[in-house]
Protein backbone atom coordinates (compact mmCIF):
# COMPACT_ATOMS: atom_id res chain seq x y z
CA UNK A 1 0.00 0.00 0.00
CA UNK A 2 1.43 3.39 -0.95
CA UNK A 3 1.74 6.25 1.55
CA UNK A 4 -1.10 8.07 -0.26
CA UNK A 5 -3.45 5.09 0.09
CA UNK A 6 -2.38 4.66 3.70
CA UNK A 7 -3.11 8.28 4.71
CA UNK A 8 -6.39 8.28 2.74
CA UNK A 9 -7.49 5.09 4.50
CA UNK A 10 -6.59 6.72 7.81
CA UNK A 11 -8.52 9.93 6.93
CA UNK A 12 -11.58 7.89 5.95
CA UNK A 13 -11.41 6.08 9.30
CA UNK A 14 -10.96 9.37 11.21
CA UNK A 15 -13.94 10.91 9.41
CA UNK A 16 -16.14 7.85 10.02
CA UNK A 17 -15.21 7.89 13.71
CA UNK A 18 -16.50 11.48 14.01
CA UNK A 19 -19.85 10.64 12.40
CA UNK A 20 -22.38 10.24 15.18
CA UNK A 21 -25.63 11.09 13.45
CA UNK A 22 -25.18 14.82 14.09
CA UNK A 23 -21.55 15.85 13.42
CA UNK A 24 -21.63 14.95 9.73
CA UNK A 25 -24.71 17.14 9.18
CA UNK A 26 -22.95 20.30 10.41
CA UNK A 27 -19.23 19.68 9.85
CA UNK A 28 -16.88 17.51 7.86
CA UNK A 29 -13.94 17.44 5.49
CA UNK A 30 -13.74 19.52 2.32
CA UNK A 31 -11.08 18.97 -0.35
CA UNK A 32 -10.84 21.41 -3.25
CA UNK A 33 -8.38 22.72 -5.76
CA UNK A 34 -6.51 26.00 -6.14
CA UNK A 35 -5.83 27.74 -9.43
CA UNK A 36 -2.12 28.29 -8.86
CA UNK A 37 -2.32 25.03 -8.99
CA UNK A 38 -2.74 23.16 -5.75
CA UNK A 39 -5.07 21.73 -3.15
CA UNK A 40 -7.06 23.18 -0.29
CA UNK A 41 -8.43 21.12 2.60
CA UNK A 42 -10.64 22.15 5.50
CA UNK A 43 -11.19 19.66 8.28
CA UNK A 44 -13.74 20.70 10.87
CA UNK A 45 -12.65 20.04 14.43
CA UNK A 46 -15.90 21.27 15.96
CA UNK A 47 -17.26 18.78 18.52
CA UNK A 48 -14.19 16.54 18.19
CA UNK A 49 -11.46 15.82 20.74
CA UNK A 50 -9.26 18.21 18.74
CA UNK A 51 -11.59 21.24 18.86
CA UNK A 52 -9.53 23.20 21.38
CA UNK A 53 -6.07 22.26 20.14
CA UNK A 54 -3.96 24.57 18.05
CA UNK A 55 -1.61 23.83 15.20
CA UNK A 56 0.67 26.82 14.65
CA UNK A 57 1.15 27.86 11.03
CA UNK A 58 3.50 25.43 9.31
CA UNK A 59 4.90 26.45 5.94
CA UNK A 60 7.40 24.75 3.65
CA UNK A 61 8.12 26.20 0.21
CA UNK A 62 10.49 24.27 -2.04
CA UNK A 63 9.37 25.83 -5.32
CA UNK A 64 6.22 27.24 -6.92
CA UNK A 65 4.60 23.80 -7.24
CA UNK A 66 6.17 22.06 -4.23
CA UNK A 67 4.85 23.66 -1.05
CA UNK A 68 2.68 23.00 2.01
CA UNK A 69 0.93 25.27 4.50
CA UNK A 70 -1.11 24.00 7.44
CA UNK A 71 -2.68 25.72 10.46
CA UNK A 72 -5.72 25.76 12.70
CA UNK A 73 -8.17 28.60 13.12
CA UNK A 74 -11.79 28.75 14.24
CA UNK A 75 -11.83 25.03 15.14
CA UNK A 76 -10.75 24.04 11.63
CA UNK A 77 -7.54 22.43 10.40
CA UNK A 78 -6.59 24.22 7.17
CA UNK A 79 -4.29 22.92 4.44
CA UNK A 80 -3.10 24.59 1.27
CA UNK A 81 -0.48 22.82 -0.79
CA UNK A 82 1.05 22.26 -4.20
CA UNK A 83 -0.47 19.89 -6.76
CA UNK A 84 1.67 16.92 -5.65
CA UNK A 85 1.75 17.63 -1.90
CA UNK A 86 -1.69 16.45 -0.76
CA UNK A 87 -0.34 13.25 0.82
CA UNK A 88 2.38 15.19 2.64
CA UNK A 89 -0.16 17.71 3.93
CA UNK A 90 -2.66 15.09 5.10
CA UNK A 91 0.20 13.30 6.84
CA UNK A 92 0.80 16.50 8.86
CA UNK A 93 -2.83 16.37 10.02
CA UNK A 94 -2.52 12.70 10.89
CA UNK A 95 0.67 13.28 12.91
CA UNK A 96 -0.92 16.22 14.75
CA UNK A 97 -4.00 14.19 15.70
CA UNK A 98 -1.81 11.50 17.26
CA UNK A 99 0.22 13.94 19.41
CA UNK A 100 -0.82 14.01 23.02
CA UNK A 101 -2.79 17.09 23.96
CA UNK A 102 -0.89 19.73 25.94
PDB file of N, CA and C in Angstrom:
ATOM      1  N   UNK A   1       0.852  -1.175   0.000  1.00  0.00           N
ATOM      2  CA  UNK A   1       0.000   0.000   0.000  1.00  0.00           C
ATOM      3  C   UNK A   1       0.901   1.242   0.000  1.00  0.00           C
ATOM      4  N   UNK A   2       0.626   2.174  -0.876  1.00  0.00           N
ATOM      5  CA  UNK A   2       1.430   3.391  -0.950  1.00  0.00           C
ATOM      6  C   UNK A   2       1.097   4.308   0.224  1.00  0.00           C
ATOM      7  N   UNK A   3       1.973   5.279   0.479  1.00  0.00           N
ATOM      8  CA  UNK A   3       1.736   6.254   1.549  1.00  0.00           C
ATOM      9  C   UNK A   3       0.426   7.009   1.322  1.00  0.00           C
ATOM     10  N   UNK A   4       0.135   7.351   0.051  1.00  0.00           N
ATOM     11  CA  UNK A   4      -1.103   8.074  -0.258  1.00  0.00           C
ATOM     12  C   UNK A   4      -2.325   7.238   0.110  1.00  0.00           C
ATOM     13  N   UNK A   5      -2.321   5.958  -0.256  1.00  0.00           N
ATOM     14  CA  UNK A   5      -3.447   5.090   0.092  1.00  0.00           C
ATOM     15  C   UNK A   5      -3.558   4.945   1.605  1.00  0.00           C
ATOM     16  N   UNK A   6      -2.409   4.838   2.258  1.00  0.00           N
ATOM     17  CA  UNK A   6      -2.379   4.664   3.703  1.00  0.00           C
ATOM     18  C   UNK A   6      -2.996   5.871   4.410  1.00  0.00           C
ATOM     19  N   UNK A   7      -2.590   7.086   4.036  1.00  0.00           N
ATOM     20  CA  UNK A   7      -3.112   8.276   4.710  1.00  0.00           C
ATOM     21  C   UNK A   7      -4.574   8.506   4.331  1.00  0.00           C
ATOM     22  N   UNK A   8      -4.973   8.158   3.115  1.00  0.00           N
ATOM     23  CA  UNK A   8      -6.390   8.279   2.743  1.00  0.00           C
ATOM     24  C   UNK A   8      -7.248   7.290   3.524  1.00  0.00           C
ATOM     25  N   UNK A   9      -6.768   6.064   3.674  1.00  0.00           N
ATOM     26  CA  UNK A   9      -7.493   5.088   4.499  1.00  0.00           C
ATOM     27  C   UNK A   9      -7.636   5.615   5.926  1.00  0.00           C
ATOM     28  N   UNK A  10      -6.557   6.174   6.455  1.00  0.00           N
ATOM     29  CA  UNK A  10      -6.593   6.718   7.809  1.00  0.00           C
ATOM     30  C   UNK A  10      -7.607   7.868   7.892  1.00  0.00           C
ATOM     31  N   UNK A  11      -7.598   8.799   6.920  1.00  0.00           N
ATOM     32  CA  UNK A  11      -8.524   9.932   6.933  1.00  0.00           C
ATOM     33  C   UNK A  11      -9.971   9.450   6.860  1.00  0.00           C
ATOM     34  N   UNK A  12     -10.224   8.446   6.037  1.00  0.00           N
ATOM     35  CA  UNK A  12     -11.578   7.890   5.950  1.00  0.00           C
ATOM     36  C   UNK A  12     -12.010   7.329   7.306  1.00  0.00           C
ATOM     37  N   UNK A  13     -11.109   6.644   7.981  1.00  0.00           N
ATOM     38  CA  UNK A  13     -11.413   6.084   9.301  1.00  0.00           C
ATOM     39  C   UNK A  13     -11.654   7.209  10.309  1.00  0.00           C
ATOM     40  N   UNK A  14     -10.789   8.244  10.281  1.00  0.00           N
ATOM     41  CA  UNK A  14     -10.962   9.369  11.205  1.00  0.00           C
ATOM     42  C   UNK A  14     -12.321  10.026  10.984  1.00  0.00           C
ATOM     43  N   UNK A  15     -12.652  10.286   9.736  1.00  0.00           N
ATOM     44  CA  UNK A  15     -13.936  10.908   9.408  1.00  0.00           C
ATOM     45  C   UNK A  15     -15.096  10.034   9.918  1.00  0.00           C
ATOM     46  N   UNK A  16     -15.064   8.756   9.604  1.00  0.00           N
ATOM     47  CA  UNK A  16     -16.136   7.851  10.017  1.00  0.00           C
ATOM     48  C   UNK A  16     -16.276   7.823  11.537  1.00  0.00           C
ATOM     49  N   UNK A  17     -15.149   7.930  12.252  1.00  0.00           N
ATOM     50  CA  UNK A  17     -15.210   7.891  13.715  1.00  0.00           C
ATOM     51  C   UNK A  17     -15.829   9.160  14.300  1.00  0.00           C
ATOM     52  N   UNK A  18     -15.866  10.242  13.541  1.00  0.00           N
ATOM     53  CA  UNK A  18     -16.503  11.480  14.005  1.00  0.00           C
ATOM     54  C   UNK A  18     -18.013  11.455  13.763  1.00  0.00           C
ATOM     55  N   UNK A  19     -18.429  10.681  12.782  1.00  0.00           N
ATOM     56  CA  UNK A  19     -19.848  10.644  12.403  1.00  0.00           C
ATOM     57  C   UNK A  19     -20.666   9.968  13.504  1.00  0.00           C
ATOM     58  N   UNK A  20     -21.580  10.743  14.069  1.00  0.00           N
ATOM     59  CA  UNK A  20     -22.384  10.237  15.181  1.00  0.00           C
ATOM     60  C   UNK A  20     -23.878  10.478  14.965  1.00  0.00           C
ATOM     61  N   UNK A  21     -24.247  10.791  13.729  1.00  0.00           N
ATOM     62  CA  UNK A  21     -25.634  11.093  13.451  1.00  0.00           C
ATOM     63  C   UNK A  21     -25.919  12.584  13.439  1.00  0.00           C
ATOM     64  N   UNK A  22     -25.026  13.362  14.052  1.00  0.00           N
ATOM     65  CA  UNK A  22     -25.179  14.817  14.086  1.00  0.00           C
ATOM     66  C   UNK A  22     -23.995  15.533  13.443  1.00  0.00           C
ATOM     67  N   UNK A  23     -22.771  15.144  13.849  1.00  0.00           N
ATOM     68  CA  UNK A  23     -21.553  15.847  13.423  1.00  0.00           C
ATOM     69  C   UNK A  23     -21.500  15.995  11.909  1.00  0.00           C
ATOM     70  N   UNK A  24     -21.765  14.937  11.194  1.00  0.00           N
ATOM     71  CA  UNK A  24     -21.632  14.947   9.734  1.00  0.00           C
ATOM     72  C   UNK A  24     -22.655  15.847   9.047  1.00  0.00           C
ATOM     73  N   UNK A  25     -23.701  16.238   9.756  1.00  0.00           N
ATOM     74  CA  UNK A  25     -24.705  17.141   9.175  1.00  0.00           C
ATOM     75  C   UNK A  25     -24.277  18.602   9.260  1.00  0.00           C
ATOM     76  N   UNK A  26     -23.407  18.917  10.205  1.00  0.00           N
ATOM     77  CA  UNK A  26     -22.953  20.298  10.414  1.00  0.00           C
ATOM     78  C   UNK A  26     -21.523  20.522   9.943  1.00  0.00           C
ATOM     79  N   UNK A  27     -20.660  19.515  10.100  1.00  0.00           N
ATOM     80  CA  UNK A  27     -19.229  19.680   9.852  1.00  0.00           C
ATOM     81  C   UNK A  27     -18.719  18.553   8.981  1.00  0.00           C
ATOM     82  N   UNK A  28     -17.435  18.575   8.682  1.00  0.00           N
ATOM     83  CA  UNK A  28     -16.876  17.506   7.864  1.00  0.00           C
ATOM     84  C   UNK A  28     -15.520  17.866   7.300  1.00  0.00           C
ATOM     85  N   UNK A  29     -15.214  17.258   6.173  1.00  0.00           N
ATOM     86  CA  UNK A  29     -13.936  17.443   5.485  1.00  0.00           C
ATOM     87  C   UNK A  29     -14.240  17.928   4.072  1.00  0.00           C
ATOM     88  N   UNK A  30     -13.565  18.987   3.662  1.00  0.00           N
ATOM     89  CA  UNK A  30     -13.737  19.524   2.317  1.00  0.00           C
ATOM     90  C   UNK A  30     -12.386  19.560   1.623  1.00  0.00           C
ATOM     91  N   UNK A  31     -12.306  18.958   0.451  1.00  0.00           N
ATOM     92  CA  UNK A  31     -11.083  18.969  -0.350  1.00  0.00           C
ATOM     93  C   UNK A  31     -11.412  19.651  -1.672  1.00  0.00           C
ATOM     94  N   UNK A  32     -10.638  20.666  -2.010  1.00  0.00           N
ATOM     95  CA  UNK A  32     -10.845  21.406  -3.251  1.00  0.00           C
ATOM     96  C   UNK A  32      -9.518  21.673  -3.937  1.00  0.00           C
ATOM     97  N   UNK A  33      -9.587  22.388  -5.019  1.00  0.00           N
ATOM     98  CA  UNK A  33      -8.377  22.719  -5.759  1.00  0.00           C
ATOM     99  C   UNK A  33      -8.162  24.225  -5.794  1.00  0.00           C
ATOM    100  N   UNK A  34      -6.914  24.608  -5.999  1.00  0.00           N
ATOM    101  CA  UNK A  34      -6.512  26.003  -6.142  1.00  0.00           C
ATOM    102  C   UNK A  34      -6.093  26.231  -7.587  1.00  0.00           C
ATOM    103  N   UNK A  35      -6.158  27.462  -8.028  1.00  0.00           N
ATOM    104  CA  UNK A  35      -5.825  27.740  -9.430  1.00  0.00           C
ATOM    105  C   UNK A  35      -4.365  28.094  -9.657  1.00  0.00           C
ATOM    106  N   UNK A  36      -3.507  27.890  -8.654  1.00  0.00           N
ATOM    107  CA  UNK A  36      -2.117  28.289  -8.858  1.00  0.00           C
ATOM    108  C   UNK A  36      -1.114  27.170  -9.171  1.00  0.00           C
ATOM    109  N   UNK A  37      -1.273  25.962  -9.417  1.00  0.00           N
ATOM    110  CA  UNK A  37      -2.319  25.031  -8.989  1.00  0.00           C
ATOM    111  C   UNK A  37      -1.998  24.467  -7.609  1.00  0.00           C
ATOM    112  N   UNK A  38      -2.944  23.771  -7.048  1.00  0.00           N
ATOM    113  CA  UNK A  38      -2.738  23.158  -5.749  1.00  0.00           C
ATOM    114  C   UNK A  38      -4.034  22.651  -5.158  1.00  0.00           C
ATOM    115  N   UNK A  39      -3.947  22.299  -3.891  1.00  0.00           N
ATOM    116  CA  UNK A  39      -5.070  21.730  -3.147  1.00  0.00           C
ATOM    117  C   UNK A  39      -5.392  22.605  -1.951  1.00  0.00           C
ATOM    118  N   UNK A  40      -6.633  22.573  -1.539  1.00  0.00           N
ATOM    119  CA  UNK A  40      -7.064  23.180  -0.293  1.00  0.00           C
ATOM    120  C   UNK A  40      -7.905  22.149   0.459  1.00  0.00           C
ATOM    121  N   UNK A  41      -7.689  22.076   1.760  1.00  0.00           N
ATOM    122  CA  UNK A  41      -8.428  21.124   2.597  1.00  0.00           C
ATOM    123  C   UNK A  41      -8.871  21.861   3.855  1.00  0.00           C
ATOM    124  N   UNK A  42     -10.115  21.646   4.240  1.00  0.00           N
ATOM    125  CA  UNK A  42     -10.637  22.150   5.498  1.00  0.00           C
ATOM    126  C   UNK A  42     -11.231  20.969   6.250  1.00  0.00           C
ATOM    127  N   UNK A  43     -10.732  20.765   7.456  1.00  0.00           N
ATOM    128  CA  UNK A  43     -11.193  19.660   8.280  1.00  0.00           C
ATOM    129  C   UNK A  43     -11.787  20.255   9.553  1.00  0.00           C
ATOM    130  N   UNK A  44     -13.078  20.135   9.705  1.00  0.00           N
ATOM    131  CA  UNK A  44     -13.738  20.700  10.875  1.00  0.00           C
ATOM    132  C   UNK A  44     -13.363  19.913  12.121  1.00  0.00           C
ATOM    133  N   UNK A  45     -12.995  20.650  13.156  1.00  0.00           N
ATOM    134  CA  UNK A  45     -12.645  20.043  14.433  1.00  0.00           C
ATOM    135  C   UNK A  45     -13.750  20.247  15.468  1.00  0.00           C
ATOM    136  N   UNK A  46     -14.778  20.977  15.073  1.00  0.00           N
ATOM    137  CA  UNK A  46     -15.902  21.266  15.964  1.00  0.00           C
ATOM    138  C   UNK A  46     -16.468  19.956  16.510  1.00  0.00           C
ATOM    139  N   UNK A  47     -16.693  19.945  17.829  1.00  0.00           N
ATOM    140  CA  UNK A  47     -17.260  18.781  18.522  1.00  0.00           C
ATOM    141  C   UNK A  47     -16.426  17.505  18.351  1.00  0.00           C
ATOM    142  N   UNK A  48     -15.111  17.678  18.185  1.00  0.00           N
ATOM    143  CA  UNK A  48     -14.188  16.535  18.189  1.00  0.00           C
ATOM    144  C   UNK A  48     -13.243  16.725  19.371  1.00  0.00           C
ATOM    145  N   UNK A  49     -12.454  15.713  19.667  1.00  0.00           N
ATOM    146  CA  UNK A  49     -11.464  15.818  20.742  1.00  0.00           C
ATOM    147  C   UNK A  49     -10.385  16.848  20.417  1.00  0.00           C
ATOM    148  N   UNK A  50     -10.297  17.285  19.178  1.00  0.00           N
ATOM    149  CA  UNK A  50      -9.257  18.213  18.740  1.00  0.00           C
ATOM    150  C   UNK A  50      -9.731  19.667  18.703  1.00  0.00           C
ATOM    151  N   UNK A  51     -10.973  19.918  19.039  1.00  0.00           N
ATOM    152  CA  UNK A  51     -11.585  21.238  18.857  1.00  0.00           C
ATOM    153  C   UNK A  51     -10.806  22.371  19.519  1.00  0.00           C
ATOM    154  N   UNK A  52     -10.217  22.128  20.660  1.00  0.00           N
ATOM    155  CA  UNK A  52      -9.535  23.196  21.385  1.00  0.00           C
ATOM    156  C   UNK A  52      -8.021  23.175  21.224  1.00  0.00           C
ATOM    157  N   UNK A  53      -7.517  22.317  20.381  1.00  0.00           N
ATOM    158  CA  UNK A  53      -6.069  22.258  20.142  1.00  0.00           C
ATOM    159  C   UNK A  53      -5.682  23.199  19.018  1.00  0.00           C
ATOM    160  N   UNK A  54      -4.465  23.686  19.101  1.00  0.00           N
ATOM    161  CA  UNK A  54      -3.961  24.575  18.049  1.00  0.00           C
ATOM    162  C   UNK A  54      -2.805  23.921  17.312  1.00  0.00           C
ATOM    163  N   UNK A  55      -2.740  24.222  16.039  1.00  0.00           N
ATOM    164  CA  UNK A  55      -1.606  23.827  15.203  1.00  0.00           C
ATOM    165  C   UNK A  55      -1.047  25.128  14.644  1.00  0.00           C
ATOM    166  N   UNK A  56       0.117  25.566  15.149  1.00  0.00           N
ATOM    167  CA  UNK A  56       0.666  26.820  14.653  1.00  0.00           C
ATOM    168  C   UNK A  56       0.987  26.715  13.165  1.00  0.00           C
ATOM    169  N   UNK A  57       0.921  27.844  12.484  1.00  0.00           N
ATOM    170  CA  UNK A  57       1.150  27.862  11.027  1.00  0.00           C
ATOM    171  C   UNK A  57       2.470  27.170  10.691  1.00  0.00           C
ATOM    172  N   UNK A  58       2.364  26.197   9.818  1.00  0.00           N
ATOM    173  CA  UNK A  58       3.502  25.434   9.309  1.00  0.00           C
ATOM    174  C   UNK A  58       3.595  25.733   7.815  1.00  0.00           C
ATOM    175  N   UNK A  59       4.756  26.136   7.360  1.00  0.00           N
ATOM    176  CA  UNK A  59       4.901  26.451   5.938  1.00  0.00           C
ATOM    177  C   UNK A  59       6.252  25.958   5.437  1.00  0.00           C
ATOM    178  N   UNK A  60       6.197  25.215   4.342  1.00  0.00           N
ATOM    179  CA  UNK A  60       7.395  24.748   3.650  1.00  0.00           C
ATOM    180  C   UNK A  60       7.221  25.106   2.184  1.00  0.00           C
ATOM    181  N   UNK A  61       8.179  25.849   1.630  1.00  0.00           N
ATOM    182  CA  UNK A  61       8.124  26.200   0.210  1.00  0.00           C
ATOM    183  C   UNK A  61       9.428  25.750  -0.435  1.00  0.00           C
ATOM    184  N   UNK A  62       9.318  24.781  -1.324  1.00  0.00           N
ATOM    185  CA  UNK A  62      10.493  24.272  -2.037  1.00  0.00           C
ATOM    186  C   UNK A  62      10.610  24.918  -3.415  1.00  0.00           C
ATOM    187  N   UNK A  63       9.460  25.067  -4.076  1.00  0.00           N
ATOM    188  CA  UNK A  63       9.372  25.830  -5.321  1.00  0.00           C
ATOM    189  C   UNK A  63       7.911  26.163  -5.564  1.00  0.00           C
ATOM    190  N   UNK A  64       7.592  26.739  -6.716  1.00  0.00           N
ATOM    191  CA  UNK A  64       6.224  27.239  -6.921  1.00  0.00           C
ATOM    192  C   UNK A  64       5.167  26.151  -7.058  1.00  0.00           C
ATOM    193  N   UNK A  65       5.574  24.892  -7.195  1.00  0.00           N
ATOM    194  CA  UNK A  65       4.598  23.802  -7.237  1.00  0.00           C
ATOM    195  C   UNK A  65       4.854  22.747  -6.164  1.00  0.00           C
ATOM    196  N   UNK A  66       5.799  23.006  -5.275  1.00  0.00           N
ATOM    197  CA  UNK A  66       6.167  22.061  -4.227  1.00  0.00           C
ATOM    198  C   UNK A  66       6.173  22.811  -2.893  1.00  0.00           C
ATOM    199  N   UNK A  67       4.997  22.880  -2.272  1.00  0.00           N
ATOM    200  CA  UNK A  67       4.845  23.660  -1.047  1.00  0.00           C
ATOM    201  C   UNK A  67       3.679  23.137  -0.215  1.00  0.00           C
ATOM    202  N   UNK A  68       3.732  23.421   1.079  1.00  0.00           N
ATOM    203  CA  UNK A  68       2.685  23.001   2.005  1.00  0.00           C
ATOM    204  C   UNK A  68       2.511  24.072   3.075  1.00  0.00           C
ATOM    205  N   UNK A  69       1.278  24.416   3.357  1.00  0.00           N
ATOM    206  CA  UNK A  69       0.929  25.265   4.498  1.00  0.00           C
ATOM    207  C   UNK A  69      -0.174  24.555   5.270  1.00  0.00           C
ATOM    208  N   UNK A  70      -0.077  24.591   6.597  1.00  0.00           N
ATOM    209  CA  UNK A  70      -1.115  23.998   7.438  1.00  0.00           C
ATOM    210  C   UNK A  70      -1.216  24.820   8.715  1.00  0.00           C
ATOM    211  N   UNK A  71      -2.447  24.958   9.238  1.00  0.00           N
ATOM    212  CA  UNK A  71      -2.675  25.718  10.461  1.00  0.00           C
ATOM    213  C   UNK A  71      -4.100  25.445  10.950  1.00  0.00           C
ATOM    214  N   UNK A  72      -4.349  25.817  12.191  1.00  0.00           N
ATOM    215  CA  UNK A  72      -5.717  25.763  12.701  1.00  0.00           C
ATOM    216  C   UNK A  72      -6.208  27.184  12.958  1.00  0.00           C
ATOM    217  N   UNK A  73      -7.480  27.373  12.725  1.00  0.00           N
ATOM    218  CA  UNK A  73      -8.175  28.599  13.123  1.00  0.00           C
ATOM    219  C   UNK A  73      -9.664  28.286  13.159  1.00  0.00           C
ATOM    220  N   UNK A  74     -10.344  28.905  14.098  1.00  0.00           N
ATOM    221  CA  UNK A  74     -11.788  28.748  14.243  1.00  0.00           C
ATOM    222  C   UNK A  74     -12.230  27.279  14.223  1.00  0.00           C
ATOM    223  N   UNK A  75     -11.511  26.457  14.982  1.00  0.00           N
ATOM    224  CA  UNK A  75     -11.827  25.031  15.135  1.00  0.00           C
ATOM    225  C   UNK A  75     -11.844  24.291  13.800  1.00  0.00           C
ATOM    226  N   UNK A  76     -10.910  24.682  12.923  1.00  0.00           N
ATOM    227  CA  UNK A  76     -10.750  24.037  11.628  1.00  0.00           C
ATOM    228  C   UNK A  76      -9.267  23.848  11.353  1.00  0.00           C
ATOM    229  N   UNK A  77      -8.901  22.676  10.854  1.00  0.00           N
ATOM    230  CA  UNK A  77      -7.535  22.431  10.396  1.00  0.00           C
ATOM    231  C   UNK A  77      -7.512  22.776   8.913  1.00  0.00           C
ATOM    232  N   UNK A  78      -6.677  23.737   8.552  1.00  0.00           N
ATOM    233  CA  UNK A  78      -6.590  24.217   7.169  1.00  0.00           C
ATOM    234  C   UNK A  78      -5.312  23.709   6.509  1.00  0.00           C
ATOM    235  N   UNK A  79      -5.438  23.341   5.250  1.00  0.00           N
ATOM    236  CA  UNK A  79      -4.290  22.918   4.442  1.00  0.00           C
ATOM    237  C   UNK A  79      -4.380  23.633   3.103  1.00  0.00           C
ATOM    238  N   UNK A  80      -3.246  24.123   2.639  1.00  0.00           N
ATOM    239  CA  UNK A  80      -3.098  24.589   1.266  1.00  0.00           C
ATOM    240  C   UNK A  80      -1.755  24.018   0.820  1.00  0.00           C
ATOM    241  N   UNK A  81      -1.717  23.451  -0.375  1.00  0.00           N
ATOM    242  CA  UNK A  81      -0.475  22.818  -0.790  1.00  0.00           C
ATOM    243  C   UNK A  81      -0.383  22.729  -2.303  1.00  0.00           C
ATOM    244  N   UNK A  82       0.809  22.411  -2.779  1.00  0.00           N
ATOM    245  CA  UNK A  82       1.046  22.263  -4.203  1.00  0.00           C
ATOM    246  C   UNK A  82       0.317  21.054  -4.772  1.00  0.00           C
ATOM    247  N   UNK A  83       0.315  20.928  -6.095  1.00  0.00           N
ATOM    248  CA  UNK A  83      -0.466  19.885  -6.756  1.00  0.00           C
ATOM    249  C   UNK A  83      -0.032  18.454  -6.439  1.00  0.00           C
ATOM    250  N   UNK A  84       1.193  18.273  -5.982  1.00  0.00           N
ATOM    251  CA  UNK A  84       1.671  16.922  -5.650  1.00  0.00           C
ATOM    252  C   UNK A  84       1.987  16.760  -4.161  1.00  0.00           C
ATOM    253  N   UNK A  85       1.428  17.645  -3.328  1.00  0.00           N
ATOM    254  CA  UNK A  85       1.745  17.633  -1.900  1.00  0.00           C
ATOM    255  C   UNK A  85       0.575  17.258  -0.999  1.00  0.00           C
ATOM    256  N   UNK A  86      -0.518  16.772  -1.579  1.00  0.00           N
ATOM    257  CA  UNK A  86      -1.689  16.453  -0.761  1.00  0.00           C
ATOM    258  C   UNK A  86      -1.386  15.360   0.263  1.00  0.00           C
ATOM    259  N   UNK A  87      -0.682  14.325  -0.118  1.00  0.00           N
ATOM    260  CA  UNK A  87      -0.336  13.253   0.822  1.00  0.00           C
ATOM    261  C   UNK A  87       0.510  13.793   1.960  1.00  0.00           C
ATOM    262  N   UNK A  88       1.513  14.592   1.626  1.00  0.00           N
ATOM    263  CA  UNK A  88       2.375  15.194   2.643  1.00  0.00           C
ATOM    264  C   UNK A  88       1.553  16.033   3.618  1.00  0.00           C
ATOM    265  N   UNK A  89       0.653  16.834   3.090  1.00  0.00           N
ATOM    266  CA  UNK A  89      -0.157  17.715   3.926  1.00  0.00           C
ATOM    267  C   UNK A  89      -1.101  16.924   4.829  1.00  0.00           C
ATOM    268  N   UNK A  90      -1.768  15.915   4.284  1.00  0.00           N
ATOM    269  CA  UNK A  90      -2.662  15.094   5.099  1.00  0.00           C
ATOM    270  C   UNK A  90      -1.886  14.326   6.167  1.00  0.00           C
ATOM    271  N   UNK A  91      -0.650  13.980   5.861  1.00  0.00           N
ATOM    272  CA  UNK A  91       0.203  13.299   6.835  1.00  0.00           C
ATOM    273  C   UNK A  91       0.501  14.225   8.018  1.00  0.00           C
ATOM    274  N   UNK A  92       0.624  15.538   7.770  1.00  0.00           N
ATOM    275  CA  UNK A  92       0.802  16.497   8.865  1.00  0.00           C
ATOM    276  C   UNK A  92      -0.415  16.462   9.796  1.00  0.00           C
ATOM    277  N   UNK A  93      -1.616  16.444   9.207  1.00  0.00           N
ATOM    278  CA  UNK A  93      -2.833  16.366  10.019  1.00  0.00           C
ATOM    279  C   UNK A  93      -2.845  15.079  10.832  1.00  0.00           C
ATOM    280  N   UNK A  94      -2.524  13.990  10.192  1.00  0.00           N
ATOM    281  CA  UNK A  94      -2.515  12.701  10.893  1.00  0.00           C
ATOM    282  C   UNK A  94      -1.527  12.722  12.067  1.00  0.00           C
ATOM    283  N   UNK A  95      -0.333  13.222  11.841  1.00  0.00           N
ATOM    284  CA  UNK A  95       0.673  13.276  12.905  1.00  0.00           C
ATOM    285  C   UNK A  95       0.188  14.157  14.060  1.00  0.00           C
ATOM    286  N   UNK A  96      -0.429  15.293  13.721  1.00  0.00           N
ATOM    287  CA  UNK A  96      -0.918  16.216  14.746  1.00  0.00           C
ATOM    288  C   UNK A  96      -2.021  15.575  15.582  1.00  0.00           C
ATOM    289  N   UNK A  97      -2.905  14.818  14.961  1.00  0.00           N
ATOM    290  CA  UNK A  97      -4.000  14.186  15.701  1.00  0.00           C
ATOM    291  C   UNK A  97      -3.478  13.154  16.700  1.00  0.00           C
ATOM    292  N   UNK A  98      -2.321  12.561  16.401  1.00  0.00           N
ATOM    293  CA  UNK A  98      -1.811  11.501  17.264  1.00  0.00           C
ATOM    294  C   UNK A  98      -0.923  12.053  18.380  1.00  0.00           C
ATOM    295  N   UNK A  99      -0.569  13.343  18.332  1.00  0.00           N
ATOM    296  CA  UNK A  99       0.216  13.939  19.406  1.00  0.00           C
ATOM    297  C   UNK A  99      -0.660  14.036  20.654  1.00  0.00           C
ATOM    298  N   UNK A 100      -0.033  13.875  21.800  1.00  0.00           N
ATOM    299  CA  UNK A 100      -0.820  14.010  23.025  1.00  0.00           C
ATOM    300  C   UNK A 100      -1.144  15.483  23.244  1.00  0.00           C
ATOM    301  N   UNK A 101      -2.334  15.719  23.718  1.00  0.00           N
ATOM    302  CA  UNK A 101      -2.793  17.088  23.958  1.00  0.00           C
ATOM    303  C   UNK A 101      -1.936  17.732  25.045  1.00  0.00           C
ATOM    304  N   UNK A 102      -1.705  19.046  24.928  1.00  0.00           N
ATOM    305  CA  UNK A 102      -0.888  19.732  25.936  1.00  0.00           C
ATOM    306  C   UNK A 102      -1.536  19.727  27.309  1.00  0.00           C
TER     307      UNK A 102
END
